[in-house]
Structures are given as structure tokens and as C-alpha cells.
């Protein structure tokens, strides 16, 4: 179940229809791009470090803010695959 305080970061999705397992890449991407500290705390308690790193290494094309992916990649000490990375402006 996705808590109410995370909903603003997934505003264009039906929260009740999202599946924590099937939609994890979408959920992780949106929260790391837009989330508050409360939302990221929930994210880190919900998903494994491996799941989060996978979203950073293999980003959804065109979904990441360049500053956000740079920040999180630095914190997790990883490099996103350049060939698939397109950033929002």
C-alpha cells in the first residue's frame, strides 16, 4: 500500500492501481525525482538498495531530472547507462 504522503509524487497515476512490485521502477523514479525526505524515507524502507540502484543504473528514458539522477547516482556511487538516459529539462 502506498501511503497518502507519497501520492503527490505519483499524481498522474491511480495509486490504488499501482503495484509495489510491478511498478517499482516508476515509484522509485518519481520519488527520487520529486519526493520529500518523508517520501524517500518510506522508499528506502520499502525497496532494497539493489532495487533503487537498478533504477539509477538503468533509468527510465526521459523520466529523470538531470540534477536528481546526478545527486542520487553520486550518493549510491553508480553511473547510469548513458545510452538510455534522456533527461527532462
PDB file of N, CA and C in Angstrom:
ATOM      1  N   UNK A   1       0.834  -1.189   0.000  1.00  0.00           N
ATOM      2  CA  UNK A   1       0.000   0.000   0.000  1.00  0.00           C
ATOM      3  C   UNK A   1       0.877   1.251   0.000  1.00  0.00           C
ATOM      4  N   UNK A   2       0.518   2.175  -0.844  1.00  0.00           N
ATOM      5  CA  UNK A   2       1.275   3.421  -0.951  1.00  0.00           C
ATOM      6  C   UNK A   2       0.626   4.456  -0.027  1.00  0.00           C
ATOM      7  N   UNK A   3       1.412   5.024   0.884  1.00  0.00           N
ATOM      8  CA  UNK A   3       0.847   5.977   1.836  1.00  0.00           C
ATOM      9  C   UNK A   3       0.408   7.287   1.170  1.00  0.00           C
ATOM     10  N   UNK A   4      -0.490   7.967   1.830  1.00  0.00           N
ATOM     11  CA  UNK A   4      -1.039   9.237   1.312  1.00  0.00           C
ATOM     12  C   UNK A   4       0.047  10.279   1.076  1.00  0.00           C
ATOM     13  N   UNK A   5       1.066  10.348   1.919  1.00  0.00           N
ATOM     14  CA  UNK A   5       2.080  11.376   1.768  1.00  0.00           C
ATOM     15  C   UNK A   5       2.984  11.150   0.547  1.00  0.00           C
ATOM     16  N   UNK A   6       2.886   9.988  -0.086  1.00  0.00           N
ATOM     17  CA  UNK A   6       3.657   9.691  -1.303  1.00  0.00           C
ATOM     18  C   UNK A   6       2.840  10.025  -2.549  1.00  0.00           C
ATOM     19  N   UNK A   7       1.541  10.087  -2.423  1.00  0.00           N
ATOM     20  CA  UNK A   7       0.657  10.308  -3.573  1.00  0.00           C
ATOM     21  C   UNK A   7       0.976  11.544  -4.412  1.00  0.00           C
ATOM     22  N   UNK A   8       1.361  12.680  -3.820  1.00  0.00           N
ATOM     23  CA  UNK A   8       1.653  13.846  -4.659  1.00  0.00           C
ATOM     24  C   UNK A   8       2.794  13.618  -5.669  1.00  0.00           C
ATOM     25  N   UNK A   9       3.652  12.655  -5.399  1.00  0.00           N
ATOM     26  CA  UNK A   9       4.792  12.397  -6.272  1.00  0.00           C
ATOM     27  C   UNK A   9       4.461  11.371  -7.351  1.00  0.00           C
ATOM     28  N   UNK A  10       3.260  10.850  -7.265  1.00  0.00           N
ATOM     29  CA  UNK A  10       2.740   9.924  -8.273  1.00  0.00           C
ATOM     30  C   UNK A  10       1.379  10.442  -8.745  1.00  0.00           C
ATOM     31  N   UNK A  11       1.268  11.748  -8.849  1.00  0.00           N
ATOM     32  CA  UNK A  11      -0.005  12.423  -9.093  1.00  0.00           C
ATOM     33  C   UNK A  11      -0.715  11.984 -10.375  1.00  0.00           C
ATOM     34  N   UNK A  12       0.016  11.552 -11.391  1.00  0.00           N
ATOM     35  CA  UNK A  12      -0.627  11.188 -12.656  1.00  0.00           C
ATOM     36  C   UNK A  12      -1.012   9.706 -12.719  1.00  0.00           C
ATOM     37  N   UNK A  13      -0.871   9.006 -11.623  1.00  0.00           N
ATOM     38  CA  UNK A  13      -1.181   7.572 -11.576  1.00  0.00           C
ATOM     39  C   UNK A  13      -2.281   7.296 -10.567  1.00  0.00           C
ATOM     40  N   UNK A  14      -3.055   6.258 -10.833  1.00  0.00           N
ATOM     41  CA  UNK A  14      -4.068   5.797  -9.893  1.00  0.00           C
ATOM     42  C   UNK A  14      -3.334   5.002  -8.814  1.00  0.00           C
ATOM     43  N   UNK A  15      -3.191   5.581  -7.654  1.00  0.00           N
ATOM     44  CA  UNK A  15      -2.433   4.978  -6.560  1.00  0.00           C
ATOM     45  C   UNK A  15      -2.969   3.596  -6.200  1.00  0.00           C
ATOM     46  N   UNK A  16      -4.278   3.447  -6.252  1.00  0.00           N
ATOM     47  CA  UNK A  16      -4.877   2.158  -5.899  1.00  0.00           C
ATOM     48  C   UNK A  16      -4.550   1.074  -6.924  1.00  0.00           C
ATOM     49  N   UNK A  17      -4.207   1.473  -8.139  1.00  0.00           N
ATOM     50  CA  UNK A  17      -3.895   0.502  -9.193  1.00  0.00           C
ATOM     51  C   UNK A  17      -2.405   0.164  -9.250  1.00  0.00           C
ATOM     52  N   UNK A  18      -1.559   0.972  -8.617  1.00  0.00           N
ATOM     53  CA  UNK A  18      -0.121   0.707  -8.642  1.00  0.00           C
ATOM     54  C   UNK A  18       0.214  -0.494  -7.764  1.00  0.00           C
ATOM     55  N   UNK A  19       1.117  -1.303  -8.255  1.00  0.00           N
ATOM     56  CA  UNK A  19       1.571  -2.483  -7.532  1.00  0.00           C
ATOM     57  C   UNK A  19       3.010  -2.230  -7.091  1.00  0.00           C
ATOM     58  N   UNK A  20       3.295  -2.384  -5.798  1.00  0.00           N
ATOM     59  CA  UNK A  20       4.636  -2.084  -5.281  1.00  0.00           C
ATOM     60  C   UNK A  20       5.727  -2.890  -5.976  1.00  0.00           C
ATOM     61  N   UNK A  21       5.412  -4.085  -6.396  1.00  0.00           N
ATOM     62  CA  UNK A  21       6.414  -4.931  -7.057  1.00  0.00           C
ATOM     63  C   UNK A  21       6.483  -4.638  -8.556  1.00  0.00           C
ATOM     64  N   UNK A  22       5.351  -4.678  -9.227  1.00  0.00           N
ATOM     65  CA  UNK A  22       5.327  -4.499 -10.686  1.00  0.00           C
ATOM     66  C   UNK A  22       5.692  -3.079 -11.113  1.00  0.00           C
ATOM     67  N   UNK A  23       5.318  -2.102 -10.312  1.00  0.00           N
ATOM     68  CA  UNK A  23       5.533  -0.696 -10.670  1.00  0.00           C
ATOM     69  C   UNK A  23       6.676  -0.055  -9.893  1.00  0.00           C
ATOM     70  N   UNK A  24       7.577  -0.876  -9.371  1.00  0.00           N
ATOM     71  CA  UNK A  24       8.625  -0.329  -8.503  1.00  0.00           C
ATOM     72  C   UNK A  24       9.527   0.663  -9.219  1.00  0.00           C
ATOM     73  N   UNK A  25       9.819   0.433 -10.479  1.00  0.00           N
ATOM     74  CA  UNK A  25      10.700   1.354 -11.203  1.00  0.00           C
ATOM     75  C   UNK A  25      10.050   2.730 -11.334  1.00  0.00           C
ATOM     76  N   UNK A  26       8.763   2.756 -11.623  1.00  0.00           N
ATOM     77  CA  UNK A  26       8.012   4.021 -11.726  1.00  0.00           C
ATOM     78  C   UNK A  26       7.963   4.708 -10.367  1.00  0.00           C
ATOM     79  N   UNK A  27       7.653   3.969  -9.330  1.00  0.00           N
ATOM     80  CA  UNK A  27       7.531   4.536  -7.986  1.00  0.00           C
ATOM     81  C   UNK A  27       8.876   5.081  -7.510  1.00  0.00           C
ATOM     82  N   UNK A  28       9.924   4.301  -7.663  1.00  0.00           N
ATOM     83  CA  UNK A  28      11.260   4.736  -7.238  1.00  0.00           C
ATOM     84  C   UNK A  28      11.692   5.976  -8.013  1.00  0.00           C
ATOM     85  N   UNK A  29      11.510   5.951  -9.313  1.00  0.00           N
ATOM     86  CA  UNK A  29      11.909   7.087 -10.156  1.00  0.00           C
ATOM     87  C   UNK A  29      11.197   8.360  -9.723  1.00  0.00           C
ATOM     88  N   UNK A  30       9.892   8.303  -9.578  1.00  0.00           N
ATOM     89  CA  UNK A  30       9.139   9.512  -9.226  1.00  0.00           C
ATOM     90  C   UNK A  30       9.511  10.040  -7.842  1.00  0.00           C
ATOM     91  N   UNK A  31       9.682   9.155  -6.891  1.00  0.00           N
ATOM     92  CA  UNK A  31      10.007   9.621  -5.541  1.00  0.00           C
ATOM     93  C   UNK A  31      11.415  10.195  -5.479  1.00  0.00           C
ATOM     94  N   UNK A  32      12.361   9.561  -6.137  1.00  0.00           N
ATOM     95  CA  UNK A  32      13.727  10.114  -6.112  1.00  0.00           C
ATOM     96  C   UNK A  32      13.806  11.426  -6.883  1.00  0.00           C
ATOM     97  N   UNK A  33      12.986  11.593  -7.898  1.00  0.00           N
ATOM     98  CA  UNK A  33      12.954  12.843  -8.657  1.00  0.00           C
ATOM     99  C   UNK A  33      12.268  13.975  -7.903  1.00  0.00           C
ATOM    100  N   UNK A  34      11.181  13.664  -7.213  1.00  0.00           N
ATOM    101  CA  UNK A  34      10.301  14.711  -6.689  1.00  0.00           C
ATOM    102  C   UNK A  34      10.047  14.671  -5.193  1.00  0.00           C
ATOM    103  N   UNK A  35      10.368  13.563  -4.554  1.00  0.00           N
ATOM    104  CA  UNK A  35       9.929  13.314  -3.186  1.00  0.00           C
ATOM    105  C   UNK A  35      10.567  14.146  -2.095  1.00  0.00           C
ATOM    106  N   UNK A  36       9.852  14.226  -1.016  1.00  0.00           N
ATOM    107  CA  UNK A  36      10.332  14.865   0.211  1.00  0.00           C
ATOM    108  C   UNK A  36      11.186  13.869   0.992  1.00  0.00           C
ATOM    109  N   UNK A  37      11.761  14.310   2.082  1.00  0.00           N
ATOM    110  CA  UNK A  37      12.542  13.386   2.915  1.00  0.00           C
ATOM    111  C   UNK A  37      11.639  12.307   3.506  1.00  0.00           C
ATOM    112  N   UNK A  38      10.404  12.649   3.825  1.00  0.00           N
ATOM    113  CA  UNK A  38       9.467  11.654   4.343  1.00  0.00           C
ATOM    114  C   UNK A  38       9.194  10.576   3.278  1.00  0.00           C
ATOM    115  N   UNK A  39       9.009  11.000   2.041  1.00  0.00           N
ATOM    116  CA  UNK A  39       8.744  10.054   0.948  1.00  0.00           C
ATOM    117  C   UNK A  39       9.972   9.193   0.656  1.00  0.00           C
ATOM    118  N   UNK A  40      11.154   9.784   0.672  1.00  0.00           N
ATOM    119  CA  UNK A  40      12.357   8.985   0.410  1.00  0.00           C
ATOM    120  C   UNK A  40      12.647   8.035   1.571  1.00  0.00           C
ATOM    121  N   UNK A  41      12.347   8.444   2.797  1.00  0.00           N
ATOM    122  CA  UNK A  41      12.498   7.527   3.935  1.00  0.00           C
ATOM    123  C   UNK A  41      11.607   6.306   3.743  1.00  0.00           C
ATOM    124  N   UNK A  42      10.355   6.533   3.340  1.00  0.00           N
ATOM    125  CA  UNK A  42       9.439   5.420   3.064  1.00  0.00           C
ATOM    126  C   UNK A  42      10.005   4.539   1.949  1.00  0.00           C
ATOM    127  N   UNK A  43      10.519   5.170   0.907  1.00  0.00           N
ATOM    128  CA  UNK A  43      11.080   4.435  -0.230  1.00  0.00           C
ATOM    129  C   UNK A  43      12.223   3.525   0.214  1.00  0.00           C
ATOM    130  N   UNK A  44      13.140   4.046   1.021  1.00  0.00           N
ATOM    131  CA  UNK A  44      14.285   3.260   1.465  1.00  0.00           C
ATOM    132  C   UNK A  44      13.883   2.141   2.425  1.00  0.00           C
ATOM    133  N   UNK A  45      12.748   2.295   3.083  1.00  0.00           N
ATOM    134  CA  UNK A  45      12.235   1.232   3.950  1.00  0.00           C
ATOM    135  C   UNK A  45      11.398   0.211   3.181  1.00  0.00           C
ATOM    136  N   UNK A  46      10.976   0.576   1.991  1.00  0.00           N
ATOM    137  CA  UNK A  46      10.103  -0.283   1.187  1.00  0.00           C
ATOM    138  C   UNK A  46      10.874  -1.101   0.155  1.00  0.00           C
ATOM    139  N   UNK A  47      11.896  -0.493  -0.437  1.00  0.00           N
ATOM    140  CA  UNK A  47      12.659  -1.149  -1.504  1.00  0.00           C
ATOM    141  C   UNK A  47      14.098  -1.384  -1.074  1.00  0.00           C
ATOM    142  N   UNK A  48      14.683  -2.410  -1.635  1.00  0.00           N
ATOM    143  CA  UNK A  48      16.076  -2.735  -1.311  1.00  0.00           C
ATOM    144  C   UNK A  48      17.025  -1.752  -2.004  1.00  0.00           C
ATOM    145  N   UNK A  49      18.215  -1.683  -1.472  1.00  0.00           N
ATOM    146  CA  UNK A  49      19.252  -0.855  -2.084  1.00  0.00           C
ATOM    147  C   UNK A  49      19.504  -1.319  -3.522  1.00  0.00           C
ATOM    148  N   UNK A  50      19.445  -2.618  -3.746  1.00  0.00           N
ATOM    149  CA  UNK A  50      19.632  -3.176  -5.083  1.00  0.00           C
ATOM    150  C   UNK A  50      18.559  -2.680  -6.043  1.00  0.00           C
ATOM    151  N   UNK A  51      17.297  -2.675  -5.616  1.00  0.00           N
ATOM    152  CA  UNK A  51      16.206  -2.182  -6.455  1.00  0.00           C
ATOM    153  C   UNK A  51      16.405  -0.714  -6.818  1.00  0.00           C
ATOM    154  N   UNK A  52      16.787   0.074  -5.853  1.00  0.00           N
ATOM    155  CA  UNK A  52      16.985   1.508  -6.077  1.00  0.00           C
ATOM    156  C   UNK A  52      18.169   1.741  -7.017  1.00  0.00           C
ATOM    157  N   UNK A  53      19.265   1.038  -6.770  1.00  0.00           N
ATOM    158  CA  UNK A  53      20.438   1.181  -7.640  1.00  0.00           C
ATOM    159  C   UNK A  53      20.123   0.761  -9.074  1.00  0.00           C
ATOM    160  N   UNK A  54      19.324  -0.292  -9.233  1.00  0.00           N
ATOM    161  CA  UNK A  54      18.950  -0.736 -10.578  1.00  0.00           C
ATOM    162  C   UNK A  54      18.190   0.358 -11.328  1.00  0.00           C
ATOM    163  N   UNK A  55      17.327   1.092 -10.629  1.00  0.00           N
ATOM    164  CA  UNK A  55      16.594   2.195 -11.265  1.00  0.00           C
ATOM    165  C   UNK A  55      17.518   3.336 -11.668  1.00  0.00           C
ATOM    166  N   UNK A  56      18.585   3.496 -10.937  1.00  0.00           N
ATOM    167  CA  UNK A  56      19.554   4.546 -11.266  1.00  0.00           C
ATOM    168  C   UNK A  56      20.497   4.111 -12.384  1.00  0.00           C
ATOM    169  N   UNK A  57      20.912   2.865 -12.357  1.00  0.00           N
ATOM    170  CA  UNK A  57      21.825   2.363 -13.387  1.00  0.00           C
ATOM    171  C   UNK A  57      21.104   2.232 -14.726  1.00  0.00           C
ATOM    172  N   UNK A  58      19.854   1.805 -14.700  1.00  0.00           N
ATOM    173  CA  UNK A  58      19.037   1.620 -15.909  1.00  0.00           C
ATOM    174  C   UNK A  58      17.823   2.542 -15.837  1.00  0.00           C
ATOM    175  N   UNK A  59      18.033   3.854 -16.002  1.00  0.00           N
ATOM    176  CA  UNK A  59      16.933   4.804 -15.795  1.00  0.00           C
ATOM    177  C   UNK A  59      15.859   4.705 -16.879  1.00  0.00           C
ATOM    178  N   UNK A  60      14.640   5.036 -16.475  1.00  0.00           N
ATOM    179  CA  UNK A  60      13.558   5.141 -17.444  1.00  0.00           C
ATOM    180  C   UNK A  60      13.873   6.320 -18.362  1.00  0.00           C
ATOM    181  N   UNK A  61      13.945   6.102 -19.668  1.00  0.00           N
ATOM    182  CA  UNK A  61      14.302   7.195 -20.591  1.00  0.00           C
ATOM    183  C   UNK A  61      13.318   8.359 -20.519  1.00  0.00           C
ATOM    184  N   UNK A  62      13.867   9.551 -20.425  1.00  0.00           N
ATOM    185  CA  UNK A  62      13.062  10.759 -20.429  1.00  0.00           C
ATOM    186  C   UNK A  62      12.304  11.050 -19.151  1.00  0.00           C
ATOM    187  N   UNK A  63      12.555  10.297 -18.107  1.00  0.00           N
ATOM    188  CA  UNK A  63      11.800  10.444 -16.871  1.00  0.00           C
ATOM    189  C   UNK A  63      12.569  11.143 -15.749  1.00  0.00           C
ATOM    190  N   UNK A  64      13.860  11.260 -15.899  1.00  0.00           N
ATOM    191  CA  UNK A  64      14.687  11.780 -14.809  1.00  0.00           C
ATOM    192  C   UNK A  64      15.035  13.243 -15.002  1.00  0.00           C
ATOM    193  N   UNK A  65      15.001  13.975 -13.908  1.00  0.00           N
ATOM    194  CA  UNK A  65      15.563  15.306 -13.855  1.00  0.00           C
ATOM    195  C   UNK A  65      17.073  15.113 -13.739  1.00  0.00           C
ATOM    196  N   UNK A  66      17.838  15.812 -14.547  1.00  0.00           N
ATOM    197  CA  UNK A  66      19.294  15.612 -14.573  1.00  0.00           C
ATOM    198  C   UNK A  66      19.932  15.839 -13.196  1.00  0.00           C
ATOM    199  N   UNK A  67      19.493  16.852 -12.483  1.00  0.00           N
ATOM    200  CA  UNK A  67      20.057  17.122 -11.155  1.00  0.00           C
ATOM    201  C   UNK A  67      19.742  15.985 -10.185  1.00  0.00           C
ATOM    202  N   UNK A  68      18.534  15.446 -10.278  1.00  0.00           N
ATOM    203  CA  UNK A  68      18.142  14.359  -9.369  1.00  0.00           C
ATOM    204  C   UNK A  68      18.955  13.105  -9.612  1.00  0.00           C
ATOM    205  N   UNK A  69      19.077  12.697 -10.862  1.00  0.00           N
ATOM    206  CA  UNK A  69      19.823  11.458 -11.130  1.00  0.00           C
ATOM    207  C   UNK A  69      21.307  11.636 -10.830  1.00  0.00           C
ATOM    208  N   UNK A  70      21.822  12.831 -11.041  1.00  0.00           N
ATOM    209  CA  UNK A  70      23.222  13.094 -10.707  1.00  0.00           C
ATOM    210  C   UNK A  70      23.429  12.994  -9.194  1.00  0.00           C
ATOM    211  N   UNK A  71      22.537  13.587  -8.425  1.00  0.00           N
ATOM    212  CA  UNK A  71      22.622  13.547  -6.967  1.00  0.00           C
ATOM    213  C   UNK A  71      22.551  12.119  -6.437  1.00  0.00           C
ATOM    214  N   UNK A  72      21.520  11.367  -6.842  1.00  0.00           N
ATOM    215  CA  UNK A  72      21.337  10.014  -6.327  1.00  0.00           C
ATOM    216  C   UNK A  72      22.432   9.074  -6.819  1.00  0.00           C
ATOM    217  N   UNK A  73      22.887   9.262  -8.036  1.00  0.00           N
ATOM    218  CA  UNK A  73      23.979   8.432  -8.557  1.00  0.00           C
ATOM    219  C   UNK A  73      25.258   8.658  -7.749  1.00  0.00           C
ATOM    220  N   UNK A  74      25.498   9.903  -7.385  1.00  0.00           N
ATOM    221  CA  UNK A  74      26.657  10.225  -6.551  1.00  0.00           C
ATOM    222  C   UNK A  74      26.529   9.545  -5.180  1.00  0.00           C
ATOM    223  N   UNK A  75      25.358   9.648  -4.560  1.00  0.00           N
ATOM    224  CA  UNK A  75      25.160   9.047  -3.236  1.00  0.00           C
ATOM    225  C   UNK A  75      25.294   7.529  -3.248  1.00  0.00           C
ATOM    226  N   UNK A  76      24.848   6.901  -4.331  1.00  0.00           N
ATOM    227  CA  UNK A  76      24.925   5.444  -4.431  1.00  0.00           C
ATOM    228  C   UNK A  76      26.196   4.971  -5.140  1.00  0.00           C
ATOM    229  N   UNK A  77      27.038   5.918  -5.548  1.00  0.00           N
ATOM    230  CA  UNK A  77      28.315   5.620  -6.202  1.00  0.00           C
ATOM    231  C   UNK A  77      28.132   4.707  -7.427  1.00  0.00           C
ATOM    232  N   UNK A  78      27.238   5.133  -8.313  1.00  0.00           N
ATOM    233  CA  UNK A  78      26.993   4.380  -9.550  1.00  0.00           C
ATOM    234  C   UNK A  78      26.961   5.353 -10.738  1.00  0.00           C
ATOM    235  N   UNK A  79      27.004   4.778 -11.938  1.00  0.00           N
ATOM    236  CA  UNK A  79      26.894   5.562 -13.164  1.00  0.00           C
ATOM    237  C   UNK A  79      25.724   5.040 -13.989  1.00  0.00           C
ATOM    238  N   UNK A  80      24.761   5.926 -14.311  1.00  0.00           N
ATOM    239  CA  UNK A  80      23.654   5.483 -15.163  1.00  0.00           C
ATOM    240  C   UNK A  80      24.163   5.130 -16.557  1.00  0.00           C
ATOM    241  N   UNK A  81      23.477   4.204 -17.209  1.00  0.00           N
ATOM    242  CA  UNK A  81      23.832   3.868 -18.579  1.00  0.00           C
ATOM    243  C   UNK A  81      23.491   5.061 -19.461  1.00  0.00           C
ATOM    244  N   UNK A  82      24.498   5.599 -20.121  1.00  0.00           N
ATOM    245  CA  UNK A  82      24.340   6.803 -20.933  1.00  0.00           C
ATOM    246  C   UNK A  82      23.471   6.572 -22.162  1.00  0.00           C
ATOM    247  N   UNK A  83      23.532   5.393 -22.726  1.00  0.00           N
ATOM    248  CA  UNK A  83      22.824   5.142 -23.979  1.00  0.00           C
ATOM    249  C   UNK A  83      21.303   5.241 -23.835  1.00  0.00           C
ATOM    250  N   UNK A  84      20.786   5.018 -22.646  1.00  0.00           N
ATOM    251  CA  UNK A  84      19.332   5.064 -22.460  1.00  0.00           C
ATOM    252  C   UNK A  84      18.867   6.302 -21.696  1.00  0.00           C
ATOM    253  N   UNK A  85      19.784   7.139 -21.302  1.00  0.00           N
ATOM    254  CA  UNK A  85      19.424   8.262 -20.457  1.00  0.00           C
ATOM    255  C   UNK A  85      19.061   9.486 -21.297  1.00  0.00           C
ATOM    256  N   UNK A  86      17.848   9.926 -21.117  1.00  0.00           N
ATOM    257  CA  UNK A  86      17.389  11.225 -21.640  1.00  0.00           C
ATOM    258  C   UNK A  86      16.793  11.922 -20.430  1.00  0.00           C
ATOM    259  N   UNK A  87      17.071  13.184 -20.316  1.00  0.00           N
ATOM    260  CA  UNK A  87      16.630  13.898 -19.120  1.00  0.00           C
ATOM    261  C   UNK A  87      15.522  14.889 -19.427  1.00  0.00           C
ATOM    262  N   UNK A  88      14.706  15.142 -18.425  1.00  0.00           N
ATOM    263  CA  UNK A  88      13.722  16.206 -18.504  1.00  0.00           C
ATOM    264  C   UNK A  88      14.463  17.518 -18.402  1.00  0.00           C
ATOM    265  N   UNK A  89      13.951  18.518 -19.004  1.00  0.00           N
ATOM    266  CA  UNK A  89      14.598  19.835 -18.922  1.00  0.00           C
ATOM    267  C   UNK A  89      14.001  20.664 -17.842  1.00  0.00           C
TER     268      UNK A  89
END
